[in-house]
Amino acid sequence: MELIIFSILFLIFVYSCYYLFTSNQKQNANNKGFKIYPIVGVLPGFLRNRHRFLDWSTETLSQCPTNTVVFVRPGKIHGVISANPLNVEHVLKTNFDNYPKGDRFRLLLQDFLGQGIFNSDGELWKIQRKTASYEFNTKSLRNFIIDNVRVETFTRLIPVLNQASKTQQVLDLQDVLEQFSFDNICKLAFNVDPGCLGKSGSEFMRAFEEAATLSYGRFMYAFPFSWKIAKFFNIGSEKKLKNSIKIVHEFAESIIKTRFEEEAKTDEDLLSMFIGSHDNSPQFMVDVPGKDKCPQHLLSLTLRIKGGLPVRNRCIKPWLEKKKDESMDSITVKIK
């Protein structure tokens, strides 16, 4: 009797596995999304493509009619990836409060970003967002940004490009724009000039880039607990991440603590405005900065402008309209 019951249960189990497998196969064939297997989810495909995860995701999304796919991995990791503009607007703008980053996201980036605006939810995020939104809309900060970008452009970026043109030197444009953006971001955030553009980059920039890359790498582990083991034993990428974060935090802490001690209130950088707006601790201010996407956007814009006159005119039109409303110096740039 027990043998019969066991046989029936075994057959039900086998049939269930077969049904789940075939139904998932049919679903994937219809939706053209990630191939989801029973128990392991998308793990097989993820392991084959994690070194090119963005390309893999882009290819998969482009094949789906809705530009939206489901992502399932072992360890109760479920998610939805979407490139549909309506979905993006719904999540990031219309109903942003309903889509917090979540515990897993914050935990993976906690060591690097702390409780900064890029890694916080709820009231803490609202406090930082409110302050940043107000300060970014002040005329003094806008002028501060314009002045610094203008100086960085004409004294460093253009000379670097001119020199490369004269010597027929091949430049990695994204690398150049990363250095350009990093210099401007440091000026905006701390009113400190690391002077990366035209050089090999400061130790702070190299540590920052490595910390950002390794923190992102935590999302790419096959099993979610793997990075915790490496962190516990201080080995591999977690050891490198720890060292990079130490350099970043020491640099930021030295600037912030000095600014607190001096009680500087006349500077127009973002740090000074945060200090003047809230009674925040130095550690809170260390967590505020984060990595942005300026280099990628600048590179994309450059390639689009190079594409033809209609694109150039569309890019220049908003600037010309803005120039009519505000007193700005004329800037002429010849694009070949």
Protein backbone atom coordinates (compact mmCIF):
# COMPACT_ATOMS: atom_id res chain seq x y z
CA MET A 1 0.00 0.00 0.00
CA GLU A 2 2.78 2.41 0.95
CA LEU A 3 4.60 1.55 -2.28
CA ILE A 4 1.49 2.38 -4.32
CA ILE A 5 1.02 5.72 -2.54
CA PHE A 6 4.71 6.56 -3.02
CA SER A 7 4.50 5.66 -6.72
CA ILE A 8 1.42 7.85 -7.21
CA LEU A 9 3.06 10.80 -5.44
CA PHE A 10 6.21 10.33 -7.49
CA LEU A 11 4.25 10.31 -10.74
CA ILE A 12 2.38 13.45 -9.67
CA PHE A 13 5.71 15.13 -8.88
CA VAL A 14 7.21 14.15 -12.25
CA TYR A 15 4.10 15.30 -14.10
CA SER A 16 4.09 18.61 -12.21
CA CYS A 17 7.72 19.24 -13.10
CA TYR A 18 7.04 18.37 -16.73
CA TYR A 19 3.96 20.59 -16.82
CA LEU A 20 5.79 23.54 -15.27
CA PHE A 21 8.73 23.10 -17.61
CA THR A 22 6.66 22.83 -20.79
CA SER A 23 4.29 25.64 -19.79
CA ASN A 24 7.23 27.92 -19.09
CA GLN A 25 8.75 26.96 -22.42
CA LYS A 26 5.52 27.82 -24.23
CA GLN A 27 5.15 31.04 -22.28
CA ASN A 28 8.70 32.08 -23.10
CA ALA A 29 8.18 31.18 -26.75
CA ASN A 30 5.13 33.43 -26.89
CA ASN A 31 6.50 36.31 -24.82
CA LYS A 32 10.09 36.08 -26.04
CA GLY A 33 11.32 37.02 -22.57
CA PHE A 34 13.94 35.41 -20.37
CA LYS A 35 13.81 31.62 -20.47
CA ILE A 36 12.50 30.65 -17.01
CA TYR A 37 13.12 27.13 -15.72
CA PRO A 38 11.48 25.45 -12.71
CA ILE A 39 13.30 26.06 -9.41
CA VAL A 40 16.38 27.77 -10.94
CA GLY A 41 14.47 30.44 -12.88
CA VAL A 42 16.68 32.32 -15.36
CA LEU A 43 19.91 31.18 -13.67
CA PRO A 44 21.27 29.16 -16.66
CA GLY A 45 20.88 32.11 -19.03
CA PHE A 46 22.09 34.54 -16.38
CA LEU A 47 25.33 32.59 -15.84
CA ARG A 48 25.99 32.56 -19.59
CA ASN A 49 25.35 36.28 -19.99
CA ARG A 50 26.16 38.02 -16.71
CA HIS A 51 29.42 39.36 -18.19
CA ARG A 52 27.20 41.18 -20.73
CA PHE A 53 24.08 41.58 -18.63
CA LEU A 54 23.06 44.97 -20.06
CA ASP A 55 23.43 43.76 -23.65
CA TRP A 56 21.56 40.56 -22.84
CA SER A 57 18.73 42.47 -21.13
CA THR A 58 18.51 44.96 -23.99
CA GLU A 59 18.34 42.21 -26.60
CA THR A 60 15.63 40.40 -24.65
CA LEU A 61 13.58 43.54 -24.04
CA SER A 62 13.74 44.54 -27.70
CA GLN A 63 12.20 41.19 -28.69
CA CYS A 64 9.19 41.60 -26.37
CA PRO A 65 6.10 43.41 -27.67
CA THR A 66 5.66 45.18 -24.31
CA ASN A 67 9.40 45.79 -23.79
CA THR A 68 8.91 44.27 -20.33
CA VAL A 69 10.20 40.95 -18.95
CA VAL A 70 10.07 38.98 -15.71
CA PHE A 71 13.33 38.07 -13.98
CA VAL A 72 13.40 35.12 -11.54
CA ARG A 73 16.47 33.74 -9.72
CA PRO A 74 17.08 31.38 -6.79
CA GLY A 75 16.94 33.00 -3.37
CA LYS A 76 13.49 34.55 -3.82
CA ILE A 77 14.85 37.12 -6.26
CA HIS A 78 11.96 38.20 -8.45
CA GLY A 79 11.83 41.31 -10.54
CA VAL A 80 10.45 43.04 -13.58
CA ILE A 81 12.71 44.76 -16.11
CA SER A 82 11.04 47.28 -18.39
CA ALA A 83 12.12 49.61 -21.17
CA ASN A 84 8.54 50.70 -21.89
CA PRO A 85 8.39 54.52 -21.51
CA LEU A 86 4.93 54.35 -19.94
CA ASN A 87 6.11 51.88 -17.30
CA VAL A 88 9.24 53.90 -16.60
CA GLU A 89 7.18 57.06 -16.14
CA HIS A 90 4.72 55.20 -13.90
CA VAL A 91 7.49 53.86 -11.63
CA LEU A 92 9.92 56.78 -11.55
CA LYS A 93 7.51 59.72 -11.72
CA THR A 94 3.77 59.15 -11.39
CA ASN A 95 3.82 56.58 -8.57
CA PHE A 96 7.40 56.75 -7.30
CA ASP A 97 6.40 56.36 -3.63
CA ASN A 98 4.83 52.98 -4.40
CA TYR A 99 8.10 51.53 -5.69
CA PRO A 100 10.79 51.70 -2.97
CA LYS A 101 14.26 50.38 -3.70
CA GLY A 102 13.76 47.61 -1.16
CA ASP A 103 15.91 45.90 1.46
CA ARG A 104 18.01 43.87 -0.99
CA PHE A 105 18.97 46.87 -3.10
CA ARG A 106 19.89 48.96 -0.07
CA LEU A 107 21.86 46.12 1.52
CA LEU A 108 23.97 45.50 -1.59
CA LEU A 109 24.90 49.18 -1.90
CA GLN A 110 24.99 50.04 1.81
CA ASP A 111 28.78 49.87 2.16
CA PHE A 112 29.32 52.23 -0.77
CA LEU A 113 26.38 54.65 -0.71
CA GLY A 114 25.37 54.43 2.96
CA GLN A 115 22.03 56.17 3.49
CA GLY A 116 22.47 58.71 0.72
CA ILE A 117 19.70 59.81 -1.61
CA PHE A 118 20.60 57.08 -4.13
CA ASN A 119 20.19 54.35 -1.50
CA SER A 120 17.36 55.45 0.78
CA ASP A 121 13.60 55.07 0.96
CA GLY A 122 10.71 56.67 2.80
CA GLU A 123 11.17 59.72 4.99
CA LEU A 124 14.96 59.73 4.73
CA TRP A 125 14.73 59.91 0.94
CA LYS A 126 12.08 62.65 1.11
CA ILE A 127 14.27 64.79 3.38
CA GLN A 128 17.25 64.57 1.04
CA ARG A 129 15.12 64.94 -2.08
CA LYS A 130 13.41 68.03 -0.71
CA THR A 131 16.71 69.69 0.16
CA ALA A 132 18.43 68.75 -3.11
CA SER A 133 15.41 69.79 -5.19
CA TYR A 134 15.24 73.19 -3.51
CA GLU A 135 18.97 73.85 -3.74
CA PHE A 136 19.22 72.80 -7.39
CA ASN A 137 16.54 75.33 -8.25
CA THR A 138 18.36 78.25 -6.65
CA LYS A 139 19.89 80.76 -9.05
CA SER A 140 23.18 80.83 -7.15
CA LEU A 141 23.73 77.10 -7.61
CA ARG A 142 22.76 77.21 -11.29
CA ASN A 143 25.26 80.01 -11.86
CA PHE A 144 27.87 78.09 -9.89
CA ILE A 145 27.34 75.05 -12.14
CA ILE A 146 27.43 77.10 -15.36
CA ASP A 147 30.61 78.91 -14.35
CA ASN A 148 32.43 75.72 -13.40
CA VAL A 149 31.35 73.79 -16.49
CA ARG A 150 32.40 76.71 -18.69
CA VAL A 151 35.84 76.89 -17.07
CA GLU A 152 36.30 73.12 -17.23
CA THR A 153 35.24 73.08 -20.89
CA PHE A 154 37.47 75.87 -22.17
CA THR A 155 40.54 75.36 -19.97
CA ARG A 156 40.69 71.55 -20.02
CA LEU A 157 38.26 69.67 -22.27
CA ILE A 158 38.78 71.65 -25.49
CA PRO A 159 42.60 71.83 -25.06
CA VAL A 160 42.71 68.05 -24.57
CA LEU A 161 40.66 67.50 -27.75
CA ASN A 162 42.71 70.06 -29.71
CA GLN A 163 45.98 68.43 -28.66
CA ALA A 164 44.69 65.01 -29.66
CA SER A 165 43.62 66.41 -33.04
CA LYS A 166 47.05 67.96 -33.69
CA THR A 167 49.00 64.85 -32.71
CA GLN A 168 46.53 62.40 -34.30
CA GLN A 169 46.12 60.79 -30.89
CA VAL A 170 43.25 58.33 -30.43
CA LEU A 171 41.16 59.15 -27.35
CA ASP A 172 38.68 57.05 -25.43
CA LEU A 173 35.90 59.63 -25.53
CA GLN A 174 33.92 58.03 -22.72
CA ASP A 175 37.01 58.03 -20.50
CA VAL A 176 37.62 61.72 -21.27
CA LEU A 177 33.99 62.59 -20.52
CA GLU A 178 34.12 60.60 -17.28
CA GLN A 179 37.07 62.69 -16.13
CA PHE A 180 35.31 65.86 -17.27
CA SER A 181 32.14 64.93 -15.39
CA PHE A 182 34.00 63.82 -12.28
CA ASP A 183 35.84 67.15 -12.01
CA ASN A 184 32.56 69.05 -12.34
CA ILE A 185 30.71 66.82 -9.88
CA CYS A 186 33.42 67.26 -7.24
CA LYS A 187 33.27 71.02 -7.73
CA LEU A 188 29.49 70.97 -7.47
CA ALA A 189 29.37 68.68 -4.44
CA PHE A 190 32.42 69.78 -2.43
CA ASN A 191 33.90 72.81 -4.25
CA VAL A 192 37.07 70.73 -4.60
CA ASP A 193 38.88 70.29 -7.92
CA PRO A 194 40.53 66.85 -8.29
CA GLY A 195 41.97 67.85 -11.68
CA CYS A 196 41.37 64.49 -13.38
CA LEU A 197 40.84 65.69 -16.96
CA GLY A 198 44.01 65.52 -19.01
CA LYS A 199 45.71 63.32 -16.45
CA SER A 200 45.46 59.67 -15.45
CA GLY A 201 42.86 60.57 -12.83
CA SER A 202 43.20 61.09 -9.10
CA GLU A 203 43.39 58.29 -6.56
CA PHE A 204 39.94 59.34 -5.36
CA MET A 205 38.42 58.97 -8.83
CA ARG A 206 40.02 55.57 -9.42
CA ALA A 207 38.84 54.35 -6.02
CA PHE A 208 35.36 55.75 -6.65
CA GLU A 209 35.07 54.02 -10.03
CA GLU A 210 36.32 50.72 -8.62
CA ALA A 211 33.93 50.91 -5.65
CA ALA A 212 30.99 51.59 -7.98
CA THR A 213 31.94 48.71 -10.30
CA LEU A 214 32.47 46.21 -7.49
CA SER A 215 29.26 47.26 -5.72
CA TYR A 216 27.36 46.66 -8.96
CA GLY A 217 29.12 43.29 -9.17
CA ARG A 218 27.30 42.15 -6.04
CA PHE A 219 24.12 41.97 -8.11
CA MET A 220 25.86 39.61 -10.55
CA TYR A 221 26.61 36.76 -8.13
CA ALA A 222 24.88 33.51 -9.06
CA PHE A 223 23.66 33.06 -5.49
CA PRO A 224 22.71 36.09 -3.35
CA PHE A 225 24.69 35.01 -0.27
CA SER A 226 28.02 34.54 -2.10
CA TRP A 227 29.21 38.12 -1.60
CA LYS A 228 28.46 37.92 2.13
CA ILE A 229 30.85 34.97 2.46
CA ALA A 230 33.57 36.84 0.56
CA LYS A 231 32.98 39.91 2.74
CA PHE A 232 33.14 37.87 5.96
CA PHE A 233 36.52 36.39 5.02
CA ASN A 234 37.67 39.67 3.39
CA ILE A 235 38.74 37.99 0.16
CA GLY A 236 38.45 38.57 -3.60
CA SER A 237 36.38 41.46 -4.87
CA GLU A 238 35.05 42.25 -1.40
CA LYS A 239 38.57 42.96 -0.17
CA LYS A 240 39.16 45.32 -3.11
CA LEU A 241 35.78 46.95 -2.48
CA LYS A 242 36.60 47.53 1.18
CA ASN A 243 39.90 49.22 0.29
CA SER A 244 38.29 51.41 -2.40
CA ILE A 245 35.45 52.49 -0.12
CA LYS A 246 37.98 53.37 2.57
CA ILE A 247 39.77 55.77 0.20
CA VAL A 248 36.48 57.33 -0.93
CA HIS A 249 35.15 57.81 2.59
CA GLU A 250 38.43 59.18 3.94
CA PHE A 251 38.52 61.76 1.13
CA ALA A 252 34.90 62.80 1.69
CA GLU A 253 35.16 62.81 5.49
CA SER A 254 38.24 65.03 5.47
CA ILE A 255 36.48 67.66 3.35
CA ILE A 256 33.19 67.49 5.24
CA LYS A 257 34.69 67.62 8.73
CA THR A 258 36.89 70.55 7.74
CA ARG A 259 33.84 72.37 6.38
CA PHE A 260 31.91 71.71 9.60
CA GLU A 261 34.80 72.97 11.71
CA GLU A 262 35.19 76.12 9.62
CA GLU A 263 31.42 76.64 9.58
CA ALA A 264 31.73 77.93 6.03
CA LYS A 265 28.44 79.39 4.88
CA THR A 266 29.49 81.52 1.92
CA ASP A 267 30.38 78.75 -0.53
CA GLU A 268 27.87 77.94 -3.24
CA ASP A 269 28.57 74.22 -3.54
CA LEU A 270 25.98 71.60 -2.66
CA LEU A 271 27.76 70.50 0.52
CA SER A 272 27.69 74.01 2.00
CA MET A 273 24.01 74.33 1.16
CA PHE A 274 23.21 70.99 2.80
CA ILE A 275 25.10 72.03 5.92
CA GLY A 276 23.25 75.34 6.02
CA SER A 277 19.85 73.71 5.49
CA HIS A 278 19.96 70.84 8.02
CA ASP A 279 21.61 69.95 11.28
CA ASN A 280 23.23 66.88 9.75
CA SER A 281 26.15 64.90 11.08
CA PRO A 282 29.36 64.55 9.03
CA GLN A 283 28.54 60.88 8.40
CA PHE A 284 25.16 61.83 6.91
CA MET A 285 26.92 64.17 4.50
CA VAL A 286 29.43 61.47 3.51
CA ASP A 287 26.51 59.33 2.34
CA VAL A 288 24.92 62.05 0.17
CA PRO A 289 27.13 61.83 -2.98
CA GLY A 290 26.64 59.05 -5.51
CA LYS A 291 27.60 58.03 -9.02
CA ASP A 292 25.76 59.65 -11.90
CA LYS A 293 25.38 58.89 -15.62
CA CYS A 294 26.72 62.15 -17.07
CA PRO A 295 29.54 60.54 -19.10
CA GLN A 296 27.19 58.09 -20.80
CA HIS A 297 24.67 60.84 -21.58
CA LEU A 298 27.37 63.17 -22.91
CA LEU A 299 28.79 60.42 -25.11
CA SER A 300 25.34 59.55 -26.44
CA LEU A 301 24.63 63.23 -27.11
CA THR A 302 27.95 63.65 -28.93
CA LEU A 303 27.26 60.67 -31.17
CA ARG A 304 23.75 61.93 -31.93
CA ILE A 305 24.99 65.44 -32.76
CA LYS A 306 27.54 63.89 -35.09
CA GLY A 307 24.64 62.17 -36.86
CA GLY A 308 23.32 65.19 -38.74
CA LEU A 309 22.13 68.80 -38.83
CA PRO A 310 18.50 68.19 -37.67
CA VAL A 311 19.75 66.65 -34.44
CA ARG A 312 22.18 69.53 -33.88
CA ASN A 313 19.42 72.10 -34.37
CA ARG A 314 17.17 70.33 -31.88
CA CYS A 315 19.99 70.33 -29.31
CA ILE A 316 20.84 74.01 -29.84
CA LYS A 317 17.24 75.33 -29.86
CA PRO A 318 16.56 74.96 -26.07
CA TRP A 319 19.88 76.67 -25.29
CA LEU A 320 19.06 79.60 -27.59
CA GLU A 321 15.64 79.99 -25.96
CA LYS A 322 17.25 79.91 -22.53
CA LYS A 323 19.82 82.48 -23.59
CA LYS A 324 17.05 84.98 -24.41
CA ASP A 325 15.77 84.85 -20.82
CA GLU A 326 19.11 85.03 -18.98
CA SER A 327 22.30 86.99 -19.42
CA MET A 328 24.76 84.43 -20.71
CA ASP A 329 27.98 84.82 -22.64
CA SER A 330 27.93 83.68 -26.25
CA ILE A 331 29.55 80.33 -26.96
CA THR A 332 30.46 79.22 -30.47
CA VAL A 333 31.51 75.65 -31.10
CA LYS A 334 32.34 74.28 -34.54
CA ILE A 335 31.27 70.66 -34.99
CA LYS A 336 32.76 68.68 -37.86
